[in-house]
């Protein structure tokens, strides 16, 4: 079974950058998509970005498109989320996730395995 561990969160000023990492172990070769979701206090979890396991295709929420970049390094079994020009509204706990089913990439219920989350705080 795939295990996911996020890291790289922290405190950053608006306009700054962070890179989140998601280290995966287990049968990553069976994954269809890897994705990033986030959840702010009092809000539901929302889709941020997704990537096919092969890295051929990426998908982004409109709110982050042009600022965030999702990527993966197969040799390191690691998923990344590069976040640039951060805004206060980006503050949330960020989760990486993996799915072995070819379902809708932007829907949380499509994913079977989730990491523990990493906190991103953006100050104005």
Protein backbone atom coordinates (compact mmCIF):
# COMPACT_ATOMS: atom_id res chain seq x y z
CA UNK A 1 0.00 0.00 0.00
CA UNK A 2 1.18 3.53 -0.80
CA UNK A 3 2.28 5.70 2.13
CA UNK A 4 2.57 9.49 1.71
CA UNK A 5 4.44 11.98 3.89
CA UNK A 6 4.30 15.73 3.21
CA UNK A 7 6.92 18.28 4.20
CA UNK A 8 8.01 21.81 3.35
CA UNK A 9 5.21 23.84 4.88
CA UNK A 10 5.88 26.89 6.96
CA UNK A 11 5.36 30.61 7.40
CA UNK A 12 5.94 32.94 4.47
CA UNK A 13 5.05 36.52 3.65
CA UNK A 14 2.60 37.29 0.87
CA UNK A 15 4.43 37.26 -2.43
CA UNK A 16 6.91 34.68 -1.24
CA UNK A 17 7.46 31.08 -2.27
CA UNK A 18 7.45 27.60 -0.78
CA UNK A 19 8.02 24.15 -2.20
CA UNK A 20 6.07 21.28 -0.71
CA UNK A 21 7.27 17.71 -1.01
CA UNK A 22 5.38 14.45 -0.72
CA UNK A 23 7.53 11.38 -0.26
CA UNK A 24 5.83 8.19 -1.36
CA UNK A 25 6.58 4.59 -0.54
CA UNK A 26 4.95 1.44 -1.77
CA UNK A 27 3.44 0.68 -5.14
CA UNK A 28 3.52 4.10 -6.74
CA UNK A 29 3.64 2.51 -10.17
CA UNK A 30 0.00 1.52 -9.78
CA UNK A 31 -1.13 5.14 -9.32
CA UNK A 32 -3.11 6.91 -12.01
CA UNK A 33 -2.99 10.44 -10.58
CA UNK A 34 -1.19 12.19 -7.77
CA UNK A 35 -2.77 15.35 -6.42
CA UNK A 36 -2.56 18.21 -3.97
CA UNK A 37 -5.55 19.42 -1.98
CA UNK A 38 -5.82 22.05 0.73
CA UNK A 39 -8.15 22.82 3.58
CA UNK A 40 -8.43 26.12 5.43
CA UNK A 41 -10.14 26.46 8.84
CA UNK A 42 -13.90 26.37 8.48
CA UNK A 43 -13.75 25.45 4.80
CA UNK A 44 -14.06 22.22 2.91
CA UNK A 45 -11.10 20.56 1.28
CA UNK A 46 -10.44 21.93 -2.20
CA UNK A 47 -8.52 20.74 -5.21
CA UNK A 48 -5.22 22.48 -5.95
CA UNK A 49 -3.37 20.50 -8.61
CA UNK A 50 -2.95 17.02 -10.03
CA UNK A 51 -0.53 15.18 -12.25
CA UNK A 52 -0.66 11.88 -14.07
CA UNK A 53 1.81 9.46 -12.56
CA UNK A 54 3.72 9.42 -15.83
CA UNK A 55 3.98 13.21 -15.65
CA UNK A 56 2.48 13.67 -19.10
CA UNK A 57 -0.39 15.89 -18.00
CA UNK A 58 -0.98 18.40 -15.21
CA UNK A 59 -4.14 20.07 -13.94
CA UNK A 60 -4.62 23.18 -11.79
CA UNK A 61 -7.37 24.96 -9.97
CA UNK A 62 -8.10 28.37 -11.48
CA UNK A 63 -7.11 30.03 -8.21
CA UNK A 64 -3.51 28.80 -8.43
CA UNK A 65 -2.92 28.47 -12.16
CA UNK A 66 0.13 30.43 -13.20
CA UNK A 67 1.48 30.56 -9.65
CA UNK A 68 1.77 26.91 -8.59
CA UNK A 69 3.54 24.08 -10.38
CA UNK A 70 3.05 20.39 -9.68
CA UNK A 71 5.76 17.93 -10.59
CA UNK A 72 7.10 14.54 -9.64
CA UNK A 73 10.47 12.83 -9.56
CA UNK A 74 10.02 9.14 -10.22
CA UNK A 75 13.59 8.31 -9.22
CA UNK A 76 12.95 9.81 -5.77
CA UNK A 77 9.33 8.67 -5.46
CA UNK A 78 8.47 12.25 -4.60
CA UNK A 79 5.68 14.64 -5.58
CA UNK A 80 6.26 18.40 -5.42
CA UNK A 81 4.20 21.55 -5.35
CA UNK A 82 6.12 24.73 -6.09
CA UNK A 83 4.12 27.69 -4.82
CA UNK A 84 5.07 31.18 -5.99
CA UNK A 85 3.56 34.60 -5.34
CA UNK A 86 1.68 33.28 -2.36
CA UNK A 87 -1.43 35.08 -1.17
CA UNK A 88 -3.05 35.10 2.28
CA UNK A 89 -5.92 33.06 0.85
CA UNK A 90 -3.46 30.26 0.07
CA UNK A 91 -2.99 29.60 3.78
CA UNK A 92 -4.22 26.10 4.59
CA UNK A 93 -3.16 22.59 5.44
CA UNK A 94 -1.94 21.00 2.22
CA UNK A 95 -2.42 17.31 1.57
CA UNK A 96 -1.00 15.09 -1.11
CA UNK A 97 -3.02 12.16 -2.36
CA UNK A 98 -2.80 9.18 -4.66
CA UNK A 99 -5.40 7.29 -6.64
CA UNK A 100 -5.29 4.00 -8.49
CA UNK A 101 -8.64 4.67 -10.16
CA UNK A 102 -9.08 6.74 -13.30
CA UNK A 103 -11.75 8.98 -11.81
CA UNK A 104 -12.20 12.77 -11.78
CA UNK A 105 -8.83 14.20 -10.77
CA UNK A 106 -10.29 17.25 -9.00
CA UNK A 107 -12.59 15.28 -6.69
CA UNK A 108 -11.24 14.22 -3.32
CA UNK A 109 -13.31 11.06 -3.27
CA UNK A 110 -11.34 9.84 -6.30
CA UNK A 111 -8.26 9.37 -4.12
CA UNK A 112 -7.65 6.39 -1.86
CA UNK A 113 -4.47 7.38 0.00
CA UNK A 114 -3.74 10.66 1.76
CA UNK A 115 -0.79 12.13 3.59
CA UNK A 116 -0.96 13.70 7.04
CA UNK A 117 -0.84 17.26 5.73
CA UNK A 118 1.60 20.15 6.07
CA UNK A 119 0.67 23.65 7.26
CA UNK A 120 1.20 26.66 5.03
CA UNK A 121 0.77 30.07 6.65
CA UNK A 122 0.89 33.28 4.62
CA UNK A 123 1.21 36.62 6.36
CA UNK A 124 0.24 39.94 4.80
